N, C-alpha and C. Protein backbone atom coordinates (compact mmCIF):
# COMPACT_ATOMS: atom_id res chain seq x y z
N MET A 1 100.88 123.85 80.07
CA MET A 1 102.33 123.87 80.15
C MET A 1 102.85 122.45 80.17
N ILE A 2 103.77 122.14 79.30
CA ILE A 2 104.24 120.77 79.17
C ILE A 2 105.50 120.57 79.97
N ASP A 3 105.48 119.58 80.84
CA ASP A 3 106.67 119.20 81.59
C ASP A 3 107.36 118.11 80.79
N GLU A 4 108.48 118.42 80.16
CA GLU A 4 109.12 117.45 79.27
C GLU A 4 109.66 116.24 80.02
N THR A 5 109.77 116.32 81.35
CA THR A 5 110.24 115.16 82.09
C THR A 5 109.23 114.03 82.03
N CYS A 6 107.99 114.33 81.61
CA CYS A 6 106.96 113.29 81.58
C CYS A 6 107.02 112.47 80.30
N ALA A 7 107.78 112.92 79.34
CA ALA A 7 107.76 112.26 78.04
C ALA A 7 108.90 111.27 77.89
N VAL A 8 108.74 110.40 76.89
CA VAL A 8 109.82 109.50 76.53
C VAL A 8 111.03 110.35 76.16
N PRO A 9 112.25 110.03 76.63
CA PRO A 9 113.41 110.87 76.35
C PRO A 9 113.56 111.17 74.86
N ARG A 10 113.89 112.40 74.54
CA ARG A 10 114.00 112.85 73.17
C ARG A 10 115.43 113.28 72.89
N ARG A 11 115.80 113.27 71.61
CA ARG A 11 117.20 113.50 71.25
C ARG A 11 117.65 114.92 71.51
N HIS A 12 116.72 115.90 71.62
CA HIS A 12 117.15 117.26 71.82
C HIS A 12 117.10 117.70 73.28
N ASP A 13 116.97 116.73 74.21
CA ASP A 13 117.06 117.08 75.62
C ASP A 13 118.40 117.80 75.85
N ASN A 14 118.38 118.88 76.59
CA ASN A 14 119.58 119.68 76.77
C ASN A 14 119.50 120.45 78.08
N LEU A 15 120.44 121.34 78.28
CA LEU A 15 120.48 122.10 79.52
C LEU A 15 119.23 122.95 79.71
N LEU A 16 118.67 123.47 78.63
CA LEU A 16 117.46 124.26 78.74
C LEU A 16 116.30 123.43 79.27
N ALA A 17 116.16 122.21 78.73
CA ALA A 17 115.09 121.32 79.20
C ALA A 17 115.31 120.94 80.66
N GLN A 18 116.56 120.72 81.04
CA GLN A 18 116.86 120.39 82.44
C GLN A 18 116.53 121.57 83.35
N ALA A 19 116.84 122.78 82.90
CA ALA A 19 116.53 123.96 83.70
C ALA A 19 115.02 124.12 83.86
N TYR A 20 114.30 123.82 82.78
CA TYR A 20 112.84 123.91 82.83
C TYR A 20 112.28 122.90 83.83
N ALA A 21 112.80 121.68 83.80
CA ALA A 21 112.35 120.65 84.74
C ALA A 21 112.65 121.07 86.17
N TRP A 22 113.82 121.68 86.38
CA TRP A 22 114.17 122.17 87.72
C TRP A 22 113.18 123.23 88.18
N ALA A 23 112.82 124.15 87.28
CA ALA A 23 111.87 125.21 87.63
C ALA A 23 110.51 124.62 88.01
N CYS A 24 110.07 123.61 87.26
CA CYS A 24 108.79 122.95 87.57
C CYS A 24 108.84 122.32 88.97
N GLU A 25 109.98 121.73 89.31
CA GLU A 25 110.12 121.12 90.64
C GLU A 25 110.01 122.17 91.73
N GLN A 26 110.60 123.34 91.50
CA GLN A 26 110.52 124.41 92.49
C GLN A 26 109.08 124.88 92.68
N ILE A 27 108.34 124.95 91.58
CA ILE A 27 106.95 125.39 91.66
C ILE A 27 106.12 124.43 92.50
N TYR A 28 106.48 123.15 92.48
CA TYR A 28 105.73 122.17 93.26
C TYR A 28 106.13 122.15 94.73
N HIS A 29 107.21 122.84 95.06
CA HIS A 29 107.67 122.81 96.46
C HIS A 29 107.80 124.23 97.00
N ASP A 30 108.95 124.83 96.91
CA ASP A 30 109.18 126.13 97.54
C ASP A 30 108.28 127.23 96.99
N LEU A 31 107.88 127.13 95.72
CA LEU A 31 107.03 128.15 95.12
C LEU A 31 105.59 127.66 94.93
N ALA A 32 105.19 126.68 95.70
CA ALA A 32 103.84 126.13 95.56
C ALA A 32 102.76 127.19 95.75
N TRP A 33 103.04 128.18 96.60
CA TRP A 33 102.07 129.24 96.85
C TRP A 33 101.73 130.02 95.58
N ALA A 34 102.63 130.00 94.58
CA ALA A 34 102.41 130.74 93.34
C ALA A 34 101.88 129.87 92.21
N TYR A 35 101.66 128.59 92.46
CA TYR A 35 101.31 127.65 91.39
C TYR A 35 100.05 128.07 90.64
N ASP A 36 98.98 128.38 91.36
CA ASP A 36 97.72 128.71 90.70
C ASP A 36 97.88 129.94 89.80
N ALA A 37 98.58 130.96 90.28
CA ALA A 37 98.76 132.18 89.50
C ALA A 37 99.63 131.92 88.27
N ILE A 38 100.69 131.13 88.45
CA ILE A 38 101.58 130.84 87.32
C ILE A 38 100.85 130.03 86.25
N SER A 39 100.13 128.99 86.68
CA SER A 39 99.42 128.15 85.71
C SER A 39 98.34 128.94 84.98
N TRP A 40 97.67 129.82 85.69
CA TRP A 40 96.67 130.67 85.04
C TRP A 40 97.34 131.57 84.02
N GLY A 41 98.47 132.17 84.40
CA GLY A 41 99.15 133.09 83.51
C GLY A 41 99.69 132.45 82.25
N VAL A 42 100.37 131.32 82.38
CA VAL A 42 100.99 130.70 81.20
C VAL A 42 99.95 130.08 80.27
N SER A 43 98.72 129.86 80.78
CA SER A 43 97.67 129.26 79.95
C SER A 43 96.65 130.28 79.47
N GLY A 44 96.84 131.54 79.83
CA GLY A 44 95.86 132.54 79.45
C GLY A 44 94.50 132.28 80.06
N GLY A 45 94.51 131.71 81.27
CA GLY A 45 93.27 131.43 81.98
C GLY A 45 92.60 130.13 81.61
N ALA A 46 93.25 129.32 80.78
CA ALA A 46 92.62 128.08 80.29
C ALA A 46 92.95 126.86 81.14
N TRP A 47 93.85 126.99 82.12
CA TRP A 47 94.35 125.84 82.88
C TRP A 47 93.22 125.02 83.49
N GLY A 48 92.25 125.70 84.10
CA GLY A 48 91.15 124.98 84.73
C GLY A 48 90.33 124.18 83.74
N ASP A 49 90.09 124.73 82.56
CA ASP A 49 89.34 124.00 81.53
C ASP A 49 90.11 122.78 81.06
N TRP A 50 91.41 122.93 80.87
CA TRP A 50 92.23 121.80 80.43
C TRP A 50 92.23 120.70 81.50
N ARG A 51 92.35 121.10 82.75
CA ARG A 51 92.38 120.13 83.85
C ARG A 51 91.08 119.34 83.91
N THR A 52 89.97 120.03 83.66
CA THR A 52 88.65 119.39 83.77
C THR A 52 88.44 118.29 82.74
N LEU A 53 89.20 118.29 81.65
CA LEU A 53 89.06 117.25 80.64
C LEU A 53 89.29 115.87 81.24
N ALA A 54 90.18 115.77 82.21
CA ALA A 54 90.44 114.48 82.85
C ALA A 54 89.23 114.03 83.67
N LEU A 55 88.63 114.96 84.39
CA LEU A 55 87.48 114.62 85.22
C LEU A 55 86.29 114.22 84.36
N GLU A 56 86.14 114.83 83.21
CA GLU A 56 85.04 114.50 82.32
C GLU A 56 85.12 113.05 81.83
N ALA A 57 86.34 112.53 81.73
CA ALA A 57 86.52 111.16 81.25
C ALA A 57 86.50 110.13 82.36
N ALA A 58 86.39 110.58 83.61
CA ALA A 58 86.45 109.68 84.77
C ALA A 58 85.07 109.14 85.12
N THR A 59 85.05 107.92 85.66
CA THR A 59 83.81 107.31 86.14
C THR A 59 84.04 106.67 87.50
N GLY A 60 82.98 106.49 88.27
CA GLY A 60 83.05 105.76 89.53
C GLY A 60 83.98 106.38 90.56
N ARG A 61 84.65 105.50 91.30
CA ARG A 61 85.58 105.92 92.36
C ARG A 61 86.88 106.40 91.71
N ILE A 62 87.29 107.62 92.06
CA ILE A 62 88.40 108.27 91.37
C ILE A 62 89.58 108.47 92.32
N LEU A 63 90.78 108.21 91.80
CA LEU A 63 92.02 108.56 92.48
C LEU A 63 92.75 109.57 91.60
N GLU A 64 93.10 110.74 92.18
CA GLU A 64 93.91 111.70 91.44
C GLU A 64 95.34 111.64 91.94
N LEU A 65 96.27 111.44 91.02
CA LEU A 65 97.69 111.45 91.34
C LEU A 65 98.23 112.85 91.14
N GLY A 66 98.98 113.35 92.13
CA GLY A 66 99.57 114.67 92.02
C GLY A 66 98.51 115.76 91.98
N PHE A 67 97.71 115.88 93.04
CA PHE A 67 96.57 116.79 92.99
C PHE A 67 96.95 118.27 93.11
N GLY A 68 98.22 118.57 93.37
CA GLY A 68 98.63 119.97 93.39
C GLY A 68 97.91 120.78 94.44
N THR A 69 97.31 121.89 94.03
CA THR A 69 96.62 122.76 94.98
C THR A 69 95.18 122.35 95.23
N GLY A 70 94.76 121.22 94.68
CA GLY A 70 93.45 120.66 95.02
C GLY A 70 92.28 121.15 94.20
N GLU A 71 92.54 121.84 93.09
CA GLU A 71 91.44 122.38 92.31
C GLU A 71 90.52 121.30 91.74
N LEU A 72 91.11 120.24 91.21
CA LEU A 72 90.29 119.18 90.61
C LEU A 72 89.57 118.38 91.69
N ILE A 73 90.23 118.18 92.84
CA ILE A 73 89.57 117.52 93.96
C ILE A 73 88.32 118.30 94.36
N ALA A 74 88.46 119.62 94.49
CA ALA A 74 87.34 120.46 94.88
C ALA A 74 86.21 120.39 93.86
N ALA A 75 86.57 120.41 92.57
CA ALA A 75 85.54 120.35 91.53
C ALA A 75 84.77 119.04 91.59
N ALA A 76 85.47 117.94 91.83
CA ALA A 76 84.80 116.64 91.92
C ALA A 76 83.90 116.58 93.14
N LEU A 77 84.38 117.07 94.26
CA LEU A 77 83.58 117.04 95.49
C LEU A 77 82.32 117.90 95.36
N GLU A 78 82.45 119.02 94.67
CA GLU A 78 81.28 119.88 94.46
C GLU A 78 80.24 119.19 93.59
N GLN A 79 80.68 118.24 92.77
CA GLN A 79 79.75 117.44 91.96
C GLN A 79 79.31 116.17 92.69
N CYS A 80 79.70 116.05 93.96
CA CYS A 80 79.37 114.87 94.79
C CYS A 80 79.94 113.59 94.18
N ARG A 81 81.13 113.67 93.59
CA ARG A 81 81.77 112.50 93.01
C ARG A 81 82.79 111.94 93.99
N PRO A 82 82.85 110.63 94.13
CA PRO A 82 83.79 110.02 95.09
C PRO A 82 85.23 110.12 94.58
N ILE A 83 86.09 110.80 95.31
CA ILE A 83 87.46 111.02 94.86
C ILE A 83 88.42 111.04 96.04
N VAL A 84 89.61 110.54 95.81
CA VAL A 84 90.71 110.59 96.76
C VAL A 84 91.91 111.14 96.02
N GLY A 85 92.73 111.96 96.69
CA GLY A 85 93.89 112.53 96.04
C GLY A 85 95.18 112.12 96.71
N LEU A 86 96.23 111.95 95.92
CA LEU A 86 97.56 111.62 96.43
C LEU A 86 98.54 112.68 95.93
N GLU A 87 99.38 113.18 96.83
CA GLU A 87 100.37 114.21 96.49
C GLU A 87 101.58 114.05 97.40
N ARG A 88 102.78 114.09 96.83
CA ARG A 88 103.98 113.93 97.65
C ARG A 88 104.50 115.24 98.21
N SER A 89 104.14 116.37 97.62
CA SER A 89 104.64 117.67 98.07
C SER A 89 103.89 118.14 99.32
N PRO A 90 104.59 118.31 100.46
CA PRO A 90 103.91 118.81 101.66
C PRO A 90 103.39 120.23 101.48
N GLN A 91 104.07 121.01 100.65
CA GLN A 91 103.60 122.38 100.41
C GLN A 91 102.27 122.38 99.67
N MET A 92 102.15 121.53 98.65
CA MET A 92 100.89 121.42 97.94
C MET A 92 99.80 120.85 98.85
N GLN A 93 100.17 119.89 99.67
CA GLN A 93 99.22 119.33 100.63
C GLN A 93 98.61 120.42 101.49
N ALA A 94 99.45 121.30 102.02
CA ALA A 94 98.97 122.35 102.91
C ALA A 94 98.03 123.31 102.19
N ILE A 95 98.37 123.66 100.95
CA ILE A 95 97.53 124.58 100.18
C ILE A 95 96.18 123.95 99.88
N ALA A 96 96.18 122.70 99.43
CA ALA A 96 94.93 122.00 99.11
C ALA A 96 94.06 121.83 100.35
N LEU A 97 94.69 121.48 101.46
CA LEU A 97 93.95 121.29 102.71
C LEU A 97 93.24 122.58 103.11
N ALA A 98 93.95 123.70 103.07
CA ALA A 98 93.35 124.97 103.44
C ALA A 98 92.22 125.34 102.48
N LYS A 99 92.42 125.07 101.20
CA LYS A 99 91.41 125.40 100.20
C LYS A 99 90.12 124.61 100.43
N LEU A 100 90.25 123.31 100.69
CA LEU A 100 89.07 122.48 100.91
C LEU A 100 88.35 122.86 102.20
N ARG A 101 89.12 123.19 103.24
CA ARG A 101 88.50 123.58 104.50
C ARG A 101 87.75 124.90 104.37
N ARG A 102 88.32 125.84 103.62
CA ARG A 102 87.62 127.12 103.41
C ARG A 102 86.30 126.91 102.69
N ALA A 103 86.29 125.94 101.77
CA ALA A 103 85.07 125.65 101.02
C ALA A 103 84.14 124.70 101.77
N ARG A 104 84.56 124.29 102.97
CA ARG A 104 83.77 123.37 103.80
C ARG A 104 83.48 122.07 103.06
N LEU A 105 84.50 121.58 102.40
CA LEU A 105 84.41 120.32 101.67
C LEU A 105 85.18 119.25 102.44
N PRO A 106 84.89 117.98 102.19
CA PRO A 106 85.67 116.90 102.80
C PRO A 106 87.14 117.01 102.38
N VAL A 107 88.01 116.31 103.10
CA VAL A 107 89.45 116.38 102.82
C VAL A 107 89.97 114.98 102.54
N PRO A 108 89.67 114.42 101.37
CA PRO A 108 90.11 113.05 101.04
C PRO A 108 91.52 113.04 100.44
N LEU A 109 92.49 113.53 101.22
CA LEU A 109 93.85 113.70 100.73
C LEU A 109 94.81 112.74 101.42
N ALA A 110 95.76 112.24 100.65
CA ALA A 110 96.80 111.36 101.20
C ALA A 110 98.15 111.85 100.68
N GLN A 111 99.16 111.72 101.54
CA GLN A 111 100.51 112.09 101.12
C GLN A 111 101.30 110.81 100.85
N GLY A 112 101.99 110.78 99.71
CA GLY A 112 102.74 109.59 99.36
C GLY A 112 103.21 109.65 97.93
N SER A 113 103.77 108.55 97.48
CA SER A 113 104.35 108.46 96.15
C SER A 113 103.51 107.56 95.24
N ALA A 114 103.41 107.96 93.99
CA ALA A 114 102.70 107.14 93.01
C ALA A 114 103.44 105.84 92.73
N LEU A 115 104.72 105.77 93.11
CA LEU A 115 105.50 104.56 92.90
C LEU A 115 105.12 103.45 93.86
N ALA A 116 104.39 103.80 94.93
CA ALA A 116 103.95 102.81 95.92
C ALA A 116 102.64 103.32 96.52
N LEU A 117 101.55 103.13 95.83
CA LEU A 117 100.27 103.69 96.25
C LEU A 117 99.77 103.03 97.54
N PRO A 118 99.34 103.84 98.50
CA PRO A 118 98.88 103.30 99.79
C PRO A 118 97.41 102.91 99.77
N PHE A 119 97.01 102.15 98.75
CA PHE A 119 95.61 101.75 98.59
C PHE A 119 95.55 100.28 98.21
N ALA A 120 94.46 99.66 98.60
CA ALA A 120 94.28 98.23 98.30
C ALA A 120 94.00 98.00 96.82
N ALA A 121 94.27 96.79 96.37
CA ALA A 121 94.01 96.41 94.98
C ALA A 121 92.52 96.58 94.66
N GLY A 122 92.24 97.07 93.46
CA GLY A 122 90.86 97.20 93.01
C GLY A 122 90.06 98.26 93.73
N SER A 123 90.74 99.28 94.29
CA SER A 123 90.05 100.31 95.08
C SER A 123 89.35 101.36 94.22
N PHE A 124 89.74 101.49 92.95
CA PHE A 124 89.24 102.61 92.15
C PHE A 124 88.78 102.16 90.77
N ASP A 125 87.87 102.97 90.22
CA ASP A 125 87.40 102.76 88.86
C ASP A 125 88.20 103.61 87.87
N THR A 126 88.74 104.72 88.35
CA THR A 126 89.51 105.62 87.49
C THR A 126 90.69 106.20 88.27
N VAL A 127 91.84 106.25 87.62
CA VAL A 127 92.99 106.99 88.13
C VAL A 127 93.25 108.11 87.13
N ILE A 128 93.37 109.35 87.64
CA ILE A 128 93.61 110.48 86.75
C ILE A 128 94.87 111.23 87.16
N ALA A 129 95.51 111.83 86.17
CA ALA A 129 96.67 112.69 86.40
C ALA A 129 96.63 113.79 85.36
N THR A 130 96.87 115.03 85.78
CA THR A 130 96.88 116.15 84.85
C THR A 130 98.22 116.84 84.88
N PHE A 131 98.74 117.17 83.70
CA PHE A 131 100.03 117.85 83.55
C PHE A 131 101.12 117.15 84.37
N PRO A 132 101.27 115.84 84.24
CA PRO A 132 102.13 115.08 85.16
C PRO A 132 103.61 115.22 84.83
N ALA A 133 104.43 114.98 85.84
CA ALA A 133 105.88 114.92 85.66
C ALA A 133 106.28 113.50 85.26
N GLY A 134 107.58 113.25 85.26
CA GLY A 134 108.10 112.00 84.70
C GLY A 134 107.66 110.74 85.40
N TYR A 135 107.23 110.84 86.65
CA TYR A 135 106.84 109.65 87.39
C TYR A 135 105.70 108.88 86.71
N ILE A 136 104.91 109.57 85.90
CA ILE A 136 103.68 108.94 85.39
C ILE A 136 103.96 107.78 84.45
N VAL A 137 105.14 107.77 83.79
CA VAL A 137 105.45 106.65 82.91
C VAL A 137 106.53 105.74 83.48
N GLU A 138 106.83 105.91 84.78
CA GLU A 138 107.72 104.95 85.43
C GLU A 138 107.00 103.60 85.50
N PRO A 139 107.69 102.50 85.23
CA PRO A 139 107.04 101.19 85.30
C PRO A 139 106.36 100.94 86.65
N ALA A 140 106.98 101.39 87.74
CA ALA A 140 106.39 101.17 89.06
C ALA A 140 105.07 101.92 89.20
N THR A 141 105.01 103.16 88.69
CA THR A 141 103.77 103.93 88.75
C THR A 141 102.66 103.25 87.96
N LEU A 142 102.97 102.84 86.74
CA LEU A 142 101.96 102.22 85.90
C LEU A 142 101.49 100.88 86.47
N ALA A 143 102.42 100.12 87.07
CA ALA A 143 102.04 98.86 87.71
C ALA A 143 101.11 99.12 88.89
N GLU A 144 101.41 100.18 89.64
CA GLU A 144 100.56 100.53 90.78
C GLU A 144 99.18 100.99 90.33
N CYS A 145 99.13 101.75 89.25
CA CYS A 145 97.83 102.18 88.72
C CYS A 145 97.00 100.97 88.31
N ALA A 146 97.63 100.01 87.65
CA ALA A 146 96.92 98.80 87.25
C ALA A 146 96.43 98.03 88.48
N ARG A 147 97.25 98.01 89.52
CA ARG A 147 96.90 97.25 90.72
C ARG A 147 95.69 97.82 91.44
N VAL A 148 95.63 99.15 91.58
CA VAL A 148 94.54 99.74 92.35
C VAL A 148 93.26 99.92 91.54
N LEU A 149 93.33 99.69 90.23
CA LEU A 149 92.13 99.78 89.39
C LEU A 149 91.41 98.44 89.32
N VAL A 150 90.11 98.51 89.18
CA VAL A 150 89.34 97.31 88.88
C VAL A 150 89.62 96.92 87.43
N VAL A 151 89.35 95.66 87.09
CA VAL A 151 89.47 95.25 85.69
C VAL A 151 88.51 96.09 84.85
N GLY A 152 89.02 96.64 83.77
CA GLY A 152 88.23 97.55 82.95
C GLY A 152 88.27 98.98 83.41
N GLY A 153 88.96 99.24 84.55
CA GLY A 153 89.09 100.60 85.05
C GLY A 153 89.94 101.45 84.13
N ARG A 154 89.85 102.77 84.31
CA ARG A 154 90.50 103.70 83.40
C ARG A 154 91.67 104.44 84.06
N LEU A 155 92.72 104.60 83.28
CA LEU A 155 93.80 105.53 83.60
C LEU A 155 93.67 106.69 82.62
N ILE A 156 93.48 107.90 83.15
CA ILE A 156 93.30 109.09 82.33
C ILE A 156 94.44 110.06 82.62
N ILE A 157 95.18 110.43 81.58
CA ILE A 157 96.30 111.37 81.72
C ILE A 157 96.05 112.53 80.76
N ALA A 158 95.87 113.72 81.30
CA ALA A 158 95.56 114.89 80.48
C ALA A 158 96.70 115.91 80.54
N GLY A 159 96.99 116.51 79.40
CA GLY A 159 97.93 117.61 79.37
C GLY A 159 99.38 117.26 79.18
N VAL A 160 99.68 116.03 78.82
CA VAL A 160 101.07 115.70 78.51
C VAL A 160 101.53 116.54 77.32
N TRP A 161 100.62 116.72 76.34
CA TRP A 161 100.90 117.58 75.20
C TRP A 161 99.72 118.52 74.99
N ILE A 162 100.05 119.79 74.78
CA ILE A 162 99.05 120.81 74.49
C ILE A 162 99.55 121.61 73.28
N VAL A 163 98.68 121.78 72.30
CA VAL A 163 99.08 122.44 71.06
C VAL A 163 98.22 123.69 70.86
N PRO A 164 98.81 124.88 70.99
CA PRO A 164 98.05 126.10 70.70
C PRO A 164 97.61 126.14 69.24
N VAL A 165 96.41 126.65 69.02
CA VAL A 165 95.88 126.75 67.66
C VAL A 165 95.43 128.19 67.43
N LEU A 166 96.05 128.83 66.46
CA LEU A 166 95.70 130.20 66.09
C LEU A 166 95.06 130.16 64.72
N GLY A 167 93.77 130.45 64.67
CA GLY A 167 93.04 130.26 63.43
C GLY A 167 92.97 128.77 63.15
N ARG A 168 93.57 128.35 62.04
CA ARG A 168 93.66 126.93 61.72
C ARG A 168 95.08 126.42 61.81
N HIS A 169 95.94 127.20 62.41
CA HIS A 169 97.36 126.87 62.43
C HIS A 169 97.82 126.47 63.83
N ALA A 170 98.44 125.30 63.92
CA ALA A 170 99.03 124.85 65.18
C ALA A 170 100.35 125.58 65.40
N ILE A 171 100.61 125.90 66.66
CA ILE A 171 101.81 126.65 67.02
C ILE A 171 102.67 125.80 67.95
N ASN A 172 103.96 125.77 67.69
CA ASN A 172 104.88 125.01 68.53
C ASN A 172 105.68 125.98 69.40
N LEU A 173 105.55 125.84 70.72
CA LEU A 173 106.32 126.64 71.67
C LEU A 173 107.13 125.69 72.53
N PRO A 174 108.36 125.37 72.14
CA PRO A 174 109.16 124.37 72.85
C PRO A 174 109.21 124.63 74.35
N LEU A 175 109.19 123.54 75.11
CA LEU A 175 109.18 123.50 76.57
C LEU A 175 107.82 123.83 77.17
N LEU A 176 107.01 124.63 76.50
CA LEU A 176 105.70 124.96 77.03
C LEU A 176 104.60 124.18 76.33
N TYR A 177 104.44 124.41 75.03
CA TYR A 177 103.35 123.77 74.29
C TYR A 177 103.87 123.22 72.98
N ARG A 178 103.50 121.98 72.69
CA ARG A 178 103.97 121.35 71.46
C ARG A 178 103.22 120.05 71.22
N ALA A 179 103.27 119.58 69.99
CA ALA A 179 102.76 118.25 69.65
C ALA A 179 103.91 117.25 69.74
N PRO A 180 103.61 116.00 70.06
CA PRO A 180 104.68 115.01 70.13
C PRO A 180 105.09 114.53 68.75
N GLU A 181 106.33 114.12 68.63
CA GLU A 181 106.73 113.40 67.43
C GLU A 181 106.06 112.03 67.46
N ALA A 182 105.86 111.45 66.28
CA ALA A 182 105.15 110.17 66.20
C ALA A 182 105.82 109.10 67.04
N SER A 183 107.15 109.05 67.02
CA SER A 183 107.86 108.03 67.79
C SER A 183 107.72 108.26 69.29
N GLU A 184 107.67 109.52 69.68
CA GLU A 184 107.50 109.85 71.09
C GLU A 184 106.14 109.42 71.60
N ALA A 185 105.10 109.74 70.84
CA ALA A 185 103.74 109.36 71.23
C ALA A 185 103.60 107.84 71.29
N ALA A 186 104.17 107.16 70.30
CA ALA A 186 104.10 105.69 70.27
C ALA A 186 104.83 105.09 71.45
N GLY A 187 105.98 105.67 71.80
CA GLY A 187 106.72 105.17 72.95
C GLY A 187 105.98 105.37 74.25
N PHE A 188 105.31 106.49 74.39
CA PHE A 188 104.52 106.79 75.59
C PHE A 188 103.41 105.76 75.75
N ILE A 189 102.67 105.52 74.65
CA ILE A 189 101.58 104.55 74.71
C ILE A 189 102.11 103.15 74.96
N ALA A 190 103.26 102.82 74.37
CA ALA A 190 103.84 101.48 74.56
C ALA A 190 104.16 101.23 76.02
N ARG A 191 104.67 102.25 76.71
CA ARG A 191 104.97 102.09 78.13
C ARG A 191 103.71 101.78 78.94
N ILE A 192 102.65 102.50 78.62
CA ILE A 192 101.39 102.28 79.34
C ILE A 192 100.84 100.88 79.05
N GLU A 193 100.86 100.47 77.81
CA GLU A 193 100.30 99.18 77.45
C GLU A 193 101.13 98.03 78.01
N ALA A 194 102.42 98.24 78.19
CA ALA A 194 103.27 97.20 78.77
C ALA A 194 102.89 96.91 80.22
N ALA A 195 102.19 97.85 80.85
CA ALA A 195 101.77 97.66 82.24
C ALA A 195 100.40 97.01 82.37
N GLY A 196 99.81 96.61 81.24
CA GLY A 196 98.54 95.89 81.31
C GLY A 196 97.33 96.72 80.90
N PHE A 197 97.55 97.71 80.05
CA PHE A 197 96.46 98.56 79.59
C PHE A 197 96.31 98.49 78.08
N VAL A 198 95.14 98.89 77.61
CA VAL A 198 94.92 99.21 76.21
C VAL A 198 94.75 100.72 76.15
N ALA A 199 95.63 101.42 75.43
CA ALA A 199 95.68 102.88 75.53
C ALA A 199 95.60 103.56 74.18
N GLY A 200 95.16 104.81 74.19
CA GLY A 200 95.13 105.62 73.00
C GLY A 200 95.15 107.10 73.36
N ILE A 201 95.51 107.93 72.40
CA ILE A 201 95.57 109.38 72.59
C ILE A 201 94.37 110.01 71.91
N HIS A 202 93.63 110.81 72.66
CA HIS A 202 92.47 111.51 72.13
C HIS A 202 92.72 113.01 72.26
N TRP A 203 92.58 113.73 71.16
CA TRP A 203 92.80 115.17 71.17
C TRP A 203 91.48 115.89 71.39
N ARG A 204 91.45 116.78 72.39
CA ARG A 204 90.25 117.54 72.70
C ARG A 204 90.51 119.03 72.52
N GLN A 205 89.64 119.71 71.83
CA GLN A 205 89.77 121.15 71.69
C GLN A 205 89.22 121.83 72.94
N SER A 206 90.01 122.69 73.55
CA SER A 206 89.59 123.40 74.75
C SER A 206 90.20 124.79 74.75
N ARG A 207 89.34 125.78 74.77
CA ARG A 207 89.76 127.17 74.68
C ARG A 207 90.59 127.39 73.43
N TRP A 208 91.84 127.78 73.57
CA TRP A 208 92.65 128.13 72.40
C TRP A 208 93.67 127.06 72.04
N ALA A 209 93.45 125.84 72.48
CA ALA A 209 94.43 124.79 72.23
C ALA A 209 93.77 123.43 72.05
N ASP A 210 94.53 122.52 71.43
CA ASP A 210 94.17 121.10 71.40
C ASP A 210 94.95 120.40 72.50
N VAL A 211 94.25 119.66 73.32
CA VAL A 211 94.84 119.03 74.50
C VAL A 211 94.79 117.52 74.34
N ALA A 212 95.93 116.87 74.57
CA ALA A 212 95.99 115.41 74.49
C ALA A 212 95.44 114.80 75.78
N VAL A 213 94.47 113.92 75.63
CA VAL A 213 93.93 113.17 76.77
C VAL A 213 94.18 111.69 76.48
N ILE A 214 95.03 111.09 77.28
CA ILE A 214 95.36 109.67 77.10
C ILE A 214 94.38 108.85 77.93
N ARG A 215 93.72 107.92 77.28
CA ARG A 215 92.76 107.04 77.96
C ARG A 215 93.28 105.61 77.84
N ALA A 216 93.39 104.96 78.97
CA ALA A 216 93.88 103.58 79.00
C ALA A 216 92.95 102.74 79.85
N GLU A 217 92.61 101.55 79.36
CA GLU A 217 91.72 100.65 80.09
C GLU A 217 92.51 99.44 80.58
N ARG A 218 92.33 99.12 81.84
CA ARG A 218 93.07 97.99 82.44
C ARG A 218 92.55 96.68 81.89
N ARG A 219 93.47 95.89 81.34
CA ARG A 219 93.11 94.57 80.81
C ARG A 219 92.99 93.57 81.95
N PRO A 220 92.21 92.49 81.76
CA PRO A 220 92.20 91.41 82.75
C PRO A 220 93.57 90.77 82.83
N GLY A 221 93.88 90.20 83.99
CA GLY A 221 95.16 89.54 84.15
C GLY A 221 95.78 89.87 85.48
N PRO A 222 96.80 89.12 85.90
CA PRO A 222 97.44 89.34 87.19
C PRO A 222 98.24 90.64 87.20
N VAL A 223 98.26 91.31 88.36
CA VAL A 223 99.07 92.49 88.56
C VAL A 223 99.87 92.33 89.84
N ASP A 224 100.84 93.22 90.03
CA ASP A 224 101.72 93.15 91.19
C ASP A 224 101.01 93.67 92.42
N HIS A 225 100.86 92.85 93.46
CA HIS A 225 100.20 93.25 94.70
C HIS A 225 101.21 93.55 95.81
N GLU A 226 102.45 93.76 95.43
CA GLU A 226 103.50 93.95 96.43
C GLU A 226 103.22 95.11 97.36
N HIS A 227 102.63 96.20 96.81
CA HIS A 227 102.44 97.40 97.61
C HIS A 227 101.02 97.51 98.16
N CYS A 228 100.25 96.45 98.11
CA CYS A 228 98.87 96.49 98.57
C CYS A 228 98.83 96.87 100.05
N ALA A 229 98.00 97.89 100.35
CA ALA A 229 97.92 98.36 101.73
C ALA A 229 97.03 97.46 102.57
């Protein structure tokens, strides 16, 4: 499911897109209890596979931004991979906490904003985000990602665009699933690279769709340490 608030603004943004963004916000807060069921339903059961694409591209110490109900955190911990999660929604925090405790897994969760990460510079080898909202391309978020990554570390963003494929034909379902326009994709990558990364879009086939996985590598050079914990 594509959250259009995560993309570079497009000319056809309208009341429908705003209503969709509002609905997504509700799902992350008051309707957080229904998030897993909704995501499973709108993806035909493929949501977990799409989410895992980000983890497959991750190496070393991992930070997940916007961990939601904690599914990816749990998957990483079950693989004995070092991971920490950050989420601003207290409702999602509570769901993820309960889920990890039921599974008797560690609880490496932090509450806060991606605009000011509560971690020291160079703390992680990979930062991942799946199906992110608009914060992911905010300059402050990208600067913070660069700051907490080691030089050469990776920023992995999965699910910004998902394209259903029926037979050999791509299907466009506005607000839910679609491919980006060339200018939109270029603008998205330009924002990431302006923050000190070398970035590209890689399309991965998963279940019944092609999923965009953005991979960005942190270049050497000074970064903003203003928010260093």
